[in-house]
Amino acid sequence: MTWTQNTFDNPVTRYPKVEPPADMVSEPGRDSELDPPADHGEETYVGSGRLEGRKALVTGGDSGIGAAVAIAFAREGADVAIVYLPAEQVDANHVAEQIEKAGRKAVLIPGDLTDRAFCGVAVEHALDALGGLDIVVNNAGKQIFCEDLTQLPDEQFELTMRTNIHAMFYLTKAALPHLPAGAAIINTTSVQAYLPGPQLVDYATTKAAINAFTKALAGQLAPRGIRVNAVAPGPIWTPLQPSKGQPPEKLPKFGEQTPLGRAGQPAELAPAYVFLASPESSYVVGETLAVTGGMPTP
């Protein structure tokens, strides 16, 4: 018997290594400023109707992982509302354009999720504009490196907690009374929850907390038919990294520590969120799905 070797995408070379300059960009970081640019699946993601008729709310949906998720959801048939900081309007407009090109409704909700009242407003806005809600993606995050705990400002620690943990709690709490059986909540954690970098003490702490929040809430809501899961990205090239998310000297080799030898792209995360949002994952509850380029997690 003669075997012929098929040609597949090699994950090592599917994307080139990211070799950004060591220059920082201003917070909160924008995709429109990213050098080199990230891939959100604009030219590559092909939907197949897996989320037809669904109504999703994605925080941090203007850039990075959130943008890729919003685009993928739309191409799978969902209407999508994205929440983002007002300073990120240019990026949000780009994502909205991609959602509408997919023939779905795009809802833009600018505001600050660290404001408890705004979390409720964002949910109400999404409900009114979409006519309901059955997918919530808690993805917005803050990451600023600090090499020395004694130099970590109290204000930064508290803002990281409010952005990554408190906002997730407030938004989910506001959305829960409106979520039907069959709904999905997906939280973005990180490989940092398992392999915390010494320069990311506050960020890594929040990501470990997100894992626990996900598993506890999953057990609480499963009897109602609402599934809660999380995705743990590895080093993914997003505006979070050059806007003080990493020390400048580490940026030119960002992601090279993974077994694949490169950083991931937001487009490589989107299928994990689509899977967890779709009925295909109906028996997946309380899971943290690692997309880390081979970096080990428990």
C-alpha atoms as a PDB file:
ATOM      1  CA  MET A   1       0.000   0.000   0.000  1.00  0.00           C
ATOM      2  CA  THR A   2       1.322   3.447  -0.891  1.00  0.00           C
ATOM      3  CA  TRP A   3       0.691   6.278   1.519  1.00  0.00           C
ATOM      4  CA  THR A   4       0.580   9.886   0.386  1.00  0.00           C
ATOM      5  CA  GLN A   5       1.233  12.668   2.837  1.00  0.00           C
ATOM      6  CA  ASN A   6      -1.512  15.269   3.066  1.00  0.00           C
ATOM      7  CA  THR A   7      -0.628  18.930   3.405  1.00  0.00           C
ATOM      8  CA  PHE A   8      -1.927  20.550   6.564  1.00  0.00           C
ATOM      9  CA  ASP A   9      -1.360  23.914   8.198  1.00  0.00           C
ATOM     10  CA  ASN A  10       1.762  23.638  10.293  1.00  0.00           C
ATOM     11  CA  PRO A  11       0.915  25.391  13.592  1.00  0.00           C
ATOM     12  CA  VAL A  12       4.544  26.406  14.012  1.00  0.00           C
ATOM     13  CA  THR A  13       4.587  28.356  10.757  1.00  0.00           C
ATOM     14  CA  ARG A  14       0.895  29.178  10.312  1.00  0.00           C
ATOM     15  CA  TYR A  15       1.685  32.685  11.531  1.00  0.00           C
ATOM     16  CA  PRO A  16       5.086  34.390  11.525  1.00  0.00           C
ATOM     17  CA  LYS A  17       6.775  35.124  14.812  1.00  0.00           C
ATOM     18  CA  VAL A  18       5.741  38.442  16.277  1.00  0.00           C
ATOM     19  CA  GLU A  19       8.787  40.697  16.493  1.00  0.00           C
ATOM     20  CA  PRO A  20       7.414  44.041  17.648  1.00  0.00           C
ATOM     21  CA  PRO A  21       9.587  46.988  18.556  1.00  0.00           C
ATOM     22  CA  ALA A  22      10.263  47.607  22.235  1.00  0.00           C
ATOM     23  CA  ASP A  23       8.330  50.880  22.094  1.00  0.00           C
ATOM     24  CA  MET A  24       5.273  51.180  24.300  1.00  0.00           C
ATOM     25  CA  VAL A  25       1.928  52.504  23.096  1.00  0.00           C
ATOM     26  CA  SER A  26      -0.455  54.508  25.240  1.00  0.00           C
ATOM     27  CA  GLU A  27      -3.093  52.800  27.342  1.00  0.00           C
ATOM     28  CA  PRO A  28      -5.598  51.286  26.850  1.00  0.00           C
ATOM     29  CA  GLY A  29      -3.951  50.164  23.602  1.00  0.00           C
ATOM     30  CA  ARG A  30      -5.626  50.085  20.219  1.00  0.00           C
ATOM     31  CA  ASP A  31      -5.560  47.585  17.386  1.00  0.00           C
ATOM     32  CA  SER A  32      -5.246  50.486  14.984  1.00  0.00           C
ATOM     33  CA  GLU A  33      -1.847  51.271  16.590  1.00  0.00           C
ATOM     34  CA  LEU A  34      -0.554  47.698  16.815  1.00  0.00           C
ATOM     35  CA  ASP A  35       2.768  46.961  15.087  1.00  0.00           C
ATOM     36  CA  PRO A  36       2.757  44.363  13.635  1.00  0.00           C
ATOM     37  CA  PRO A  37      -1.031  44.154  13.197  1.00  0.00           C
ATOM     38  CA  ALA A  38      -2.993  41.274  14.712  1.00  0.00           C
ATOM     39  CA  ASP A  39      -5.230  38.816  12.867  1.00  0.00           C
ATOM     40  CA  HIS A  40      -8.837  38.787  14.106  1.00  0.00           C
ATOM     41  CA  GLY A  41     -10.044  36.459  11.382  1.00  0.00           C
ATOM     42  CA  GLU A  42     -11.283  39.202   9.090  1.00  0.00           C
ATOM     43  CA  GLU A  43      -9.938  37.361   6.048  1.00  0.00           C
ATOM     44  CA  THR A  44      -9.898  33.805   7.369  1.00  0.00           C
ATOM     45  CA  TYR A  45     -12.806  32.920   9.667  1.00  0.00           C
ATOM     46  CA  VAL A  46     -15.578  31.063   7.837  1.00  0.00           C
ATOM     47  CA  GLY A  47     -18.819  30.469   9.722  1.00  0.00           C
ATOM     48  CA  SER A  48     -21.185  27.537   9.408  1.00  0.00           C
ATOM     49  CA  GLY A  49     -24.337  28.691  11.215  1.00  0.00           C
ATOM     50  CA  ARG A  50     -23.374  27.282  14.610  1.00  0.00           C
ATOM     51  CA  LEU A  51     -24.803  30.306  16.470  1.00  0.00           C
ATOM     52  CA  GLU A  52     -27.703  31.118  14.181  1.00  0.00           C
ATOM     53  CA  GLY A  53     -30.183  33.443  15.863  1.00  0.00           C
ATOM     54  CA  ARG A  54     -28.142  33.869  19.048  1.00  0.00           C
ATOM     55  CA  LYS A  55     -27.659  37.197  20.836  1.00  0.00           C
ATOM     56  CA  ALA A  56     -24.247  37.872  22.355  1.00  0.00           C
ATOM     57  CA  LEU A  57     -22.644  40.502  24.569  1.00  0.00           C
ATOM     58  CA  VAL A  58     -18.833  40.661  24.418  1.00  0.00           C
ATOM     59  CA  THR A  59     -16.839  42.929  26.718  1.00  0.00           C
ATOM     60  CA  GLY A  60     -13.559  44.230  25.380  1.00  0.00           C
ATOM     61  CA  GLY A  61     -15.020  43.455  21.971  1.00  0.00           C
ATOM     62  CA  ASP A  62     -13.265  46.261  20.142  1.00  0.00           C
ATOM     63  CA  SER A  63      -9.803  44.704  19.893  1.00  0.00           C
ATOM     64  CA  GLY A  64      -7.678  41.632  20.451  1.00  0.00           C
ATOM     65  CA  ILE A  65      -9.412  38.442  21.525  1.00  0.00           C
ATOM     66  CA  GLY A  66     -12.774  40.171  22.009  1.00  0.00           C
ATOM     67  CA  ALA A  67     -12.733  41.509  18.461  1.00  0.00           C
ATOM     68  CA  ALA A  68     -11.941  38.072  17.032  1.00  0.00           C
ATOM     69  CA  VAL A  69     -14.735  36.514  19.106  1.00  0.00           C
ATOM     70  CA  ALA A  70     -17.270  39.140  18.022  1.00  0.00           C
ATOM     71  CA  ILE A  71     -16.391  38.646  14.351  1.00  0.00           C
ATOM     72  CA  ALA A  72     -16.557  34.862  14.625  1.00  0.00           C
ATOM     73  CA  PHE A  73     -19.882  34.963  16.476  1.00  0.00           C
ATOM     74  CA  ALA A  74     -21.367  37.149  13.751  1.00  0.00           C
ATOM     75  CA  ARG A  75     -20.137  34.860  10.997  1.00  0.00           C
ATOM     76  CA  GLU A  76     -21.720  31.964  12.883  1.00  0.00           C
ATOM     77  CA  GLY A  77     -25.072  33.764  12.797  1.00  0.00           C
ATOM     78  CA  ALA A  78     -25.236  35.747  16.055  1.00  0.00           C
ATOM     79  CA  ASP A  79     -26.107  39.381  16.585  1.00  0.00           C
ATOM     80  CA  VAL A  80     -23.406  40.951  18.751  1.00  0.00           C
ATOM     81  CA  ALA A  81     -23.145  43.830  21.204  1.00  0.00           C
ATOM     82  CA  ILE A  82     -19.639  44.895  22.182  1.00  0.00           C
ATOM     83  CA  VAL A  83     -18.600  46.909  25.226  1.00  0.00           C
ATOM     84  CA  TYR A  84     -15.443  49.007  25.087  1.00  0.00           C
ATOM     85  CA  LEU A  85     -13.825  52.151  26.447  1.00  0.00           C
ATOM     86  CA  PRO A  86     -14.769  55.359  24.585  1.00  0.00           C
ATOM     87  CA  ALA A  87     -11.086  55.883  23.696  1.00  0.00           C
ATOM     88  CA  GLU A  88     -11.271  52.712  21.595  1.00  0.00           C
ATOM     89  CA  GLN A  89     -14.015  53.947  19.262  1.00  0.00           C
ATOM     90  CA  VAL A  90     -11.969  53.548  16.070  1.00  0.00           C
ATOM     91  CA  ASP A  91     -11.356  49.872  16.808  1.00  0.00           C
ATOM     92  CA  ALA A  92     -15.003  49.359  17.787  1.00  0.00           C
ATOM     93  CA  ASN A  93     -16.166  50.846  14.491  1.00  0.00           C
ATOM     94  CA  HIS A  94     -13.983  48.362  12.607  1.00  0.00           C
ATOM     95  CA  VAL A  95     -15.464  45.409  14.486  1.00  0.00           C
ATOM     96  CA  ALA A  96     -19.004  46.695  13.959  1.00  0.00           C
ATOM     97  CA  GLU A  97     -18.296  46.928  10.246  1.00  0.00           C
ATOM     98  CA  GLN A  98     -17.164  43.299  10.201  1.00  0.00           C
ATOM     99  CA  ILE A  99     -20.280  42.181  12.103  1.00  0.00           C
ATOM    100  CA  GLU A 100     -22.542  44.005   9.679  1.00  0.00           C
ATOM    101  CA  LYS A 101     -20.686  42.608   6.666  1.00  0.00           C
ATOM    102  CA  ALA A 102     -21.632  39.184   8.011  1.00  0.00           C
ATOM    103  CA  GLY A 103     -25.274  40.258   7.805  1.00  0.00           C
ATOM    104  CA  ARG A 104     -25.741  40.492  11.567  1.00  0.00           C
ATOM    105  CA  LYS A 105     -26.679  43.325  13.912  1.00  0.00           C
ATOM    106  CA  ALA A 106     -23.858  45.187  15.647  1.00  0.00           C
ATOM    107  CA  VAL A 107     -24.497  47.148  18.841  1.00  0.00           C
ATOM    108  CA  LEU A 108     -21.825  49.494  20.188  1.00  0.00           C
ATOM    109  CA  ILE A 109     -21.794  50.204  23.935  1.00  0.00           C
ATOM    110  CA  PRO A 110     -18.994  52.551  25.017  1.00  0.00           C
ATOM    111  CA  GLY A 111     -18.310  52.945  28.717  1.00  0.00           C
ATOM    112  CA  ASP A 112     -16.249  51.954  31.742  1.00  0.00           C
ATOM    113  CA  LEU A 113     -16.989  48.525  33.197  1.00  0.00           C
ATOM    114  CA  THR A 114     -15.280  49.402  36.479  1.00  0.00           C
ATOM    115  CA  ASP A 115     -18.394  51.507  37.130  1.00  0.00           C
ATOM    116  CA  ARG A 116     -20.954  49.161  38.688  1.00  0.00           C
ATOM    117  CA  ALA A 117     -23.877  51.206  37.432  1.00  0.00           C
ATOM    118  CA  PHE A 118     -22.569  51.122  33.867  1.00  0.00           C
ATOM    119  CA  CYS A 119     -22.458  47.305  33.934  1.00  0.00           C
ATOM    120  CA  GLY A 120     -26.209  47.294  34.465  1.00  0.00           C
ATOM    121  CA  VAL A 121     -26.697  49.930  31.791  1.00  0.00           C
ATOM    122  CA  ALA A 122     -24.633  47.897  29.323  1.00  0.00           C
ATOM    123  CA  VAL A 123     -26.737  44.795  29.889  1.00  0.00           C
ATOM    124  CA  GLU A 124     -29.990  46.742  29.500  1.00  0.00           C
ATOM    125  CA  HIS A 125     -28.710  48.380  26.323  1.00  0.00           C
ATOM    126  CA  ALA A 126     -27.758  45.007  24.854  1.00  0.00           C
ATOM    127  CA  LEU A 127     -31.118  43.484  25.817  1.00  0.00           C
ATOM    128  CA  ASP A 128     -33.081  46.312  24.239  1.00  0.00           C
ATOM    129  CA  ALA A 129     -31.016  46.490  21.062  1.00  0.00           C
ATOM    130  CA  LEU A 130     -30.708  42.751  20.478  1.00  0.00           C
ATOM    131  CA  GLY A 131     -34.148  41.752  21.714  1.00  0.00           C
ATOM    132  CA  GLY A 132     -32.701  39.389  24.299  1.00  0.00           C
ATOM    133  CA  LEU A 133     -29.426  37.900  25.435  1.00  0.00           C
ATOM    134  CA  ASP A 134     -28.159  34.308  25.559  1.00  0.00           C
ATOM    135  CA  ILE A 135     -24.360  34.562  25.342  1.00  0.00           C
ATOM    136  CA  VAL A 136     -22.187  36.642  27.675  1.00  0.00           C
ATOM    137  CA  VAL A 137     -18.437  36.836  27.124  1.00  0.00           C
ATOM    138  CA  ASN A 138     -16.539  38.481  29.969  1.00  0.00           C
ATOM    139  CA  ASN A 139     -13.317  39.341  28.190  1.00  0.00           C
ATOM    140  CA  ALA A 140     -12.312  42.920  29.085  1.00  0.00           C
ATOM    141  CA  GLY A 141      -9.073  42.999  31.030  1.00  0.00           C
ATOM    142  CA  LYS A 142      -6.275  45.163  32.382  1.00  0.00           C
ATOM    143  CA  GLN A 143      -2.613  44.118  32.473  1.00  0.00           C
ATOM    144  CA  ILE A 144       0.307  46.354  33.470  1.00  0.00           C
ATOM    145  CA  PHE A 145       3.681  44.886  34.369  1.00  0.00           C
ATOM    146  CA  CYS A 146       5.521  45.752  37.572  1.00  0.00           C
ATOM    147  CA  GLU A 147       8.814  44.102  38.490  1.00  0.00           C
ATOM    148  CA  ASP A 148       8.727  44.930  42.227  1.00  0.00           C
ATOM    149  CA  LEU A 149       5.701  44.471  44.490  1.00  0.00           C
ATOM    150  CA  THR A 150       6.835  47.363  46.681  1.00  0.00           C
ATOM    151  CA  GLN A 151       6.586  49.588  43.606  1.00  0.00           C
ATOM    152  CA  LEU A 152       3.141  48.369  42.572  1.00  0.00           C
ATOM    153  CA  PRO A 153       0.812  51.320  43.171  1.00  0.00           C
ATOM    154  CA  ASP A 154      -2.242  50.564  45.283  1.00  0.00           C
ATOM    155  CA  GLU A 155      -4.330  52.328  42.663  1.00  0.00           C
ATOM    156  CA  GLN A 156      -3.064  50.015  39.917  1.00  0.00           C
ATOM    157  CA  PHE A 157      -3.728  46.902  41.999  1.00  0.00           C
ATOM    158  CA  GLU A 158      -7.256  48.054  42.765  1.00  0.00           C
ATOM    159  CA  LEU A 159      -7.976  49.045  39.151  1.00  0.00           C
ATOM    160  CA  THR A 160      -6.778  45.654  37.884  1.00  0.00           C
ATOM    161  CA  MET A 161      -9.101  43.963  40.376  1.00  0.00           C
ATOM    162  CA  ARG A 162     -12.033  46.195  39.442  1.00  0.00           C
ATOM    163  CA  THR A 163     -11.504  45.664  35.717  1.00  0.00           C
ATOM    164  CA  ASN A 164     -10.809  41.928  35.703  1.00  0.00           C
ATOM    165  CA  ILE A 165     -12.920  40.663  38.619  1.00  0.00           C
ATOM    166  CA  HIS A 166     -15.450  43.218  39.845  1.00  0.00           C
ATOM    167  CA  ALA A 167     -16.704  44.084  36.359  1.00  0.00           C
ATOM    168  CA  MET A 168     -17.165  40.383  35.559  1.00  0.00           C
ATOM    169  CA  PHE A 169     -19.211  39.955  38.728  1.00  0.00           C
ATOM    170  CA  TYR A 170     -21.367  43.039  38.176  1.00  0.00           C
ATOM    171  CA  LEU A 171     -22.024  42.353  34.499  1.00  0.00           C
ATOM    172  CA  THR A 172     -22.844  38.683  35.039  1.00  0.00           C
ATOM    173  CA  LYS A 173     -25.105  39.501  37.981  1.00  0.00           C
ATOM    174  CA  ALA A 174     -26.984  42.041  35.872  1.00  0.00           C
ATOM    175  CA  ALA A 175     -27.352  39.637  32.948  1.00  0.00           C
ATOM    176  CA  LEU A 176     -28.414  36.525  34.871  1.00  0.00           C
ATOM    177  CA  PRO A 177     -32.111  37.357  35.363  1.00  0.00           C
ATOM    178  CA  HIS A 178     -32.448  37.641  31.580  1.00  0.00           C
ATOM    179  CA  LEU A 179     -30.566  34.517  30.476  1.00  0.00           C
ATOM    180  CA  PRO A 180     -32.701  31.564  29.344  1.00  0.00           C
ATOM    181  CA  ALA A 181     -31.924  27.874  29.612  1.00  0.00           C
ATOM    182  CA  GLY A 182     -29.381  27.090  26.931  1.00  0.00           C
ATOM    183  CA  ALA A 183     -27.489  30.327  27.505  1.00  0.00           C
ATOM    184  CA  ALA A 184     -23.702  30.379  27.825  1.00  0.00           C
ATOM    185  CA  ILE A 185     -21.346  32.500  29.899  1.00  0.00           C
ATOM    186  CA  ILE A 186     -17.695  32.436  28.838  1.00  0.00           C
ATOM    187  CA  ASN A 187     -14.955  34.107  30.859  1.00  0.00           C
ATOM    188  CA  THR A 188     -11.442  34.929  29.679  1.00  0.00           C
ATOM    189  CA  THR A 189      -8.810  33.753  32.125  1.00  0.00           C
ATOM    190  CA  SER A 190      -5.142  33.158  31.200  1.00  0.00           C
ATOM    191  CA  VAL A 191      -2.192  30.797  31.325  1.00  0.00           C
ATOM    192  CA  GLN A 192      -1.011  33.310  33.925  1.00  0.00           C
ATOM    193  CA  ALA A 193      -3.426  31.648  36.348  1.00  0.00           C
ATOM    194  CA  TYR A 194      -1.170  28.565  36.241  1.00  0.00           C
ATOM    195  CA  LEU A 195       2.251  29.937  35.278  1.00  0.00           C
ATOM    196  CA  PRO A 196       2.241  33.426  36.790  1.00  0.00           C
ATOM    197  CA  GLY A 197       4.929  35.786  35.589  1.00  0.00           C
ATOM    198  CA  PRO A 198       6.786  37.550  38.413  1.00  0.00           C
ATOM    199  CA  GLN A 199       6.097  40.911  36.773  1.00  0.00           C
ATOM    200  CA  LEU A 200       2.317  40.290  36.629  1.00  0.00           C
ATOM    201  CA  VAL A 201       1.388  39.635  40.257  1.00  0.00           C
ATOM    202  CA  ASP A 202      -1.884  41.545  40.236  1.00  0.00           C
ATOM    203  CA  TYR A 203      -2.964  40.376  36.774  1.00  0.00           C
ATOM    204  CA  ALA A 204      -2.141  36.714  37.468  1.00  0.00           C
ATOM    205  CA  THR A 205      -4.032  36.886  40.752  1.00  0.00           C
ATOM    206  CA  THR A 206      -7.182  38.043  38.972  1.00  0.00           C
ATOM    207  CA  LYS A 207      -6.897  35.288  36.378  1.00  0.00           C
ATOM    208  CA  ALA A 208      -6.684  32.592  39.027  1.00  0.00           C
ATOM    209  CA  ALA A 209      -9.741  34.126  40.666  1.00  0.00           C
ATOM    210  CA  ILE A 210     -11.591  33.998  37.336  1.00  0.00           C
ATOM    211  CA  ASN A 211     -10.986  30.244  37.172  1.00  0.00           C
ATOM    212  CA  ALA A 212     -12.542  29.795  40.609  1.00  0.00           C
ATOM    213  CA  PHE A 213     -15.427  32.146  39.817  1.00  0.00           C
ATOM    214  CA  THR A 214     -16.114  30.181  36.624  1.00  0.00           C
ATOM    215  CA  LYS A 215     -16.183  26.788  38.309  1.00  0.00           C
ATOM    216  CA  ALA A 216     -18.253  27.914  41.289  1.00  0.00           C
ATOM    217  CA  LEU A 217     -20.807  29.720  39.141  1.00  0.00           C
ATOM    218  CA  ALA A 218     -20.942  26.785  36.720  1.00  0.00           C
ATOM    219  CA  GLY A 219     -22.086  24.502  39.517  1.00  0.00           C
ATOM    220  CA  GLN A 220     -24.672  27.022  40.639  1.00  0.00           C
ATOM    221  CA  LEU A 221     -26.195  27.629  37.212  1.00  0.00           C
ATOM    222  CA  ALA A 222     -25.978  24.189  35.616  1.00  0.00           C
ATOM    223  CA  PRO A 223     -29.367  23.078  37.036  1.00  0.00           C
ATOM    224  CA  ARG A 224     -30.907  26.078  35.261  1.00  0.00           C
ATOM    225  CA  GLY A 225     -29.427  24.947  31.945  1.00  0.00           C
ATOM    226  CA  ILE A 226     -26.980  27.846  31.812  1.00  0.00           C
ATOM    227  CA  ARG A 227     -23.415  26.736  31.107  1.00  0.00           C
ATOM    228  CA  VAL A 228     -20.414  28.656  32.443  1.00  0.00           C
ATOM    229  CA  ASN A 229     -16.929  27.995  31.083  1.00  0.00           C
ATOM    230  CA  ALA A 230     -13.656  29.836  30.522  1.00  0.00           C
ATOM    231  CA  VAL A 231     -10.888  30.115  27.952  1.00  0.00           C
ATOM    232  CA  ALA A 232      -7.269  30.432  29.084  1.00  0.00           C
ATOM    233  CA  PRO A 233      -5.166  32.095  26.387  1.00  0.00           C
ATOM    234  CA  GLY A 234      -1.407  31.860  26.319  1.00  0.00           C
ATOM    235  CA  PRO A 235       0.709  34.717  24.976  1.00  0.00           C
ATOM    236  CA  ILE A 236      -1.570  36.289  22.355  1.00  0.00           C
ATOM    237  CA  TRP A 237      -0.576  39.335  20.312  1.00  0.00           C
ATOM    238  CA  THR A 238      -3.060  42.048  21.304  1.00  0.00           C
ATOM    239  CA  PRO A 239      -2.842  45.746  22.239  1.00  0.00           C
ATOM    240  CA  LEU A 240      -2.662  44.646  25.889  1.00  0.00           C
ATOM    241  CA  GLN A 241       0.981  43.628  25.425  1.00  0.00           C
ATOM    242  CA  PRO A 242       2.691  46.818  24.131  1.00  0.00           C
ATOM    243  CA  SER A 243       0.540  49.142  26.282  1.00  0.00           C
ATOM    244  CA  LYS A 244       2.602  48.323  29.412  1.00  0.00           C
ATOM    245  CA  GLY A 245       1.399  44.714  29.518  1.00  0.00           C
ATOM    246  CA  GLN A 246       4.964  43.460  29.110  1.00  0.00           C
ATOM    247  CA  PRO A 247       8.383  44.919  29.925  1.00  0.00           C
ATOM    248  CA  PRO A 248       9.689  46.656  26.774  1.00  0.00           C
ATOM    249  CA  GLU A 249      12.750  44.435  26.522  1.00  0.00           C
ATOM    250  CA  LYS A 250      10.546  41.321  26.306  1.00  0.00           C
ATOM    251  CA  LEU A 251       8.349  42.553  23.462  1.00  0.00           C
ATOM    252  CA  PRO A 252      10.696  41.687  20.544  1.00  0.00           C
ATOM    253  CA  LYS A 253      10.618  37.990  21.536  1.00  0.00           C
ATOM    254  CA  PHE A 254       7.038  37.865  22.786  1.00  0.00           C
ATOM    255  CA  GLY A 255       5.616  34.328  22.675  1.00  0.00           C
ATOM    256  CA  GLU A 256       8.841  32.564  21.770  1.00  0.00           C
ATOM    257  CA  GLN A 257       8.799  30.692  25.096  1.00  0.00           C
ATOM    258  CA  THR A 258       5.900  28.497  23.940  1.00  0.00           C
ATOM    259  CA  PRO A 259       6.528  25.022  22.487  1.00  0.00           C
ATOM    260  CA  LEU A 260       5.245  26.358  19.153  1.00  0.00           C
ATOM    261  CA  GLY A 261       7.880  29.069  19.389  1.00  0.00           C
ATOM    262  CA  ARG A 262       5.606  32.006  18.600  1.00  0.00           C
ATOM    263  CA  ALA A 263       2.823  34.176  19.964  1.00  0.00           C
ATOM    264  CA  GLY A 264      -0.753  33.283  19.131  1.00  0.00           C
ATOM    265  CA  GLN A 265      -3.122  35.464  17.156  1.00  0.00           C
ATOM    266  CA  PRO A 266      -6.627  36.476  18.316  1.00  0.00           C
ATOM    267  CA  ALA A 267      -8.107  34.556  15.381  1.00  0.00           C
ATOM    268  CA  GLU A 268      -6.717  31.348  16.894  1.00  0.00           C
ATOM    269  CA  LEU A 269      -8.771  31.917  20.067  1.00  0.00           C
ATOM    270  CA  ALA A 270     -12.147  32.555  18.456  1.00  0.00           C
ATOM    271  CA  PRO A 271     -13.020  28.898  17.683  1.00  0.00           C
ATOM    272  CA  ALA A 272     -12.727  28.016  21.377  1.00  0.00           C
ATOM    273  CA  TYR A 273     -15.343  30.624  22.273  1.00  0.00           C
ATOM    274  CA  VAL A 274     -17.598  29.520  19.418  1.00  0.00           C
ATOM    275  CA  PHE A 275     -17.399  25.928  20.656  1.00  0.00           C
ATOM    276  CA  LEU A 276     -18.245  26.879  24.250  1.00  0.00           C
ATOM    277  CA  ALA A 277     -21.138  29.090  23.109  1.00  0.00           C
ATOM    278  CA  SER A 278     -22.648  26.506  20.770  1.00  0.00           C
ATOM    279  CA  PRO A 279     -24.839  23.475  21.559  1.00  0.00           C
ATOM    280  CA  GLU A 280     -21.908  21.273  20.500  1.00  0.00           C
ATOM    281  CA  SER A 281     -20.503  21.805  24.000  1.00  0.00           C
ATOM    282  CA  SER A 282     -23.768  21.028  25.810  1.00  0.00           C
ATOM    283  CA  TYR A 283     -22.014  18.650  28.258  1.00  0.00           C
ATOM    284  CA  VAL A 284     -19.089  20.996  28.921  1.00  0.00           C
ATOM    285  CA  VAL A 285     -19.620  22.843  32.212  1.00  0.00           C
ATOM    286  CA  GLY A 286     -17.066  24.530  34.469  1.00  0.00           C
ATOM    287  CA  GLU A 287     -14.256  23.868  32.004  1.00  0.00           C
ATOM    288  CA  THR A 288     -11.222  26.072  31.426  1.00  0.00           C
ATOM    289  CA  LEU A 289     -10.168  25.489  27.835  1.00  0.00           C
ATOM    290  CA  ALA A 290      -6.467  26.238  27.386  1.00  0.00           C
ATOM    291  CA  VAL A 291      -5.276  27.788  24.110  1.00  0.00           C
ATOM    292  CA  THR A 292      -1.652  28.326  25.055  1.00  0.00           C
ATOM    293  CA  GLY A 293       0.587  27.219  22.199  1.00  0.00           C
ATOM    294  CA  GLY A 294       1.597  24.226  24.291  1.00  0.00           C
ATOM    295  CA  MET A 295       2.349  25.958  27.592  1.00  0.00           C
ATOM    296  CA  PRO A 296       1.233  23.417  30.231  1.00  0.00           C
ATOM    297  CA  THR A 297      -1.786  23.884  32.472  1.00  0.00           C
ATOM    298  CA  PRO A 298      -3.133  21.485  35.146  1.00  0.00           C
END
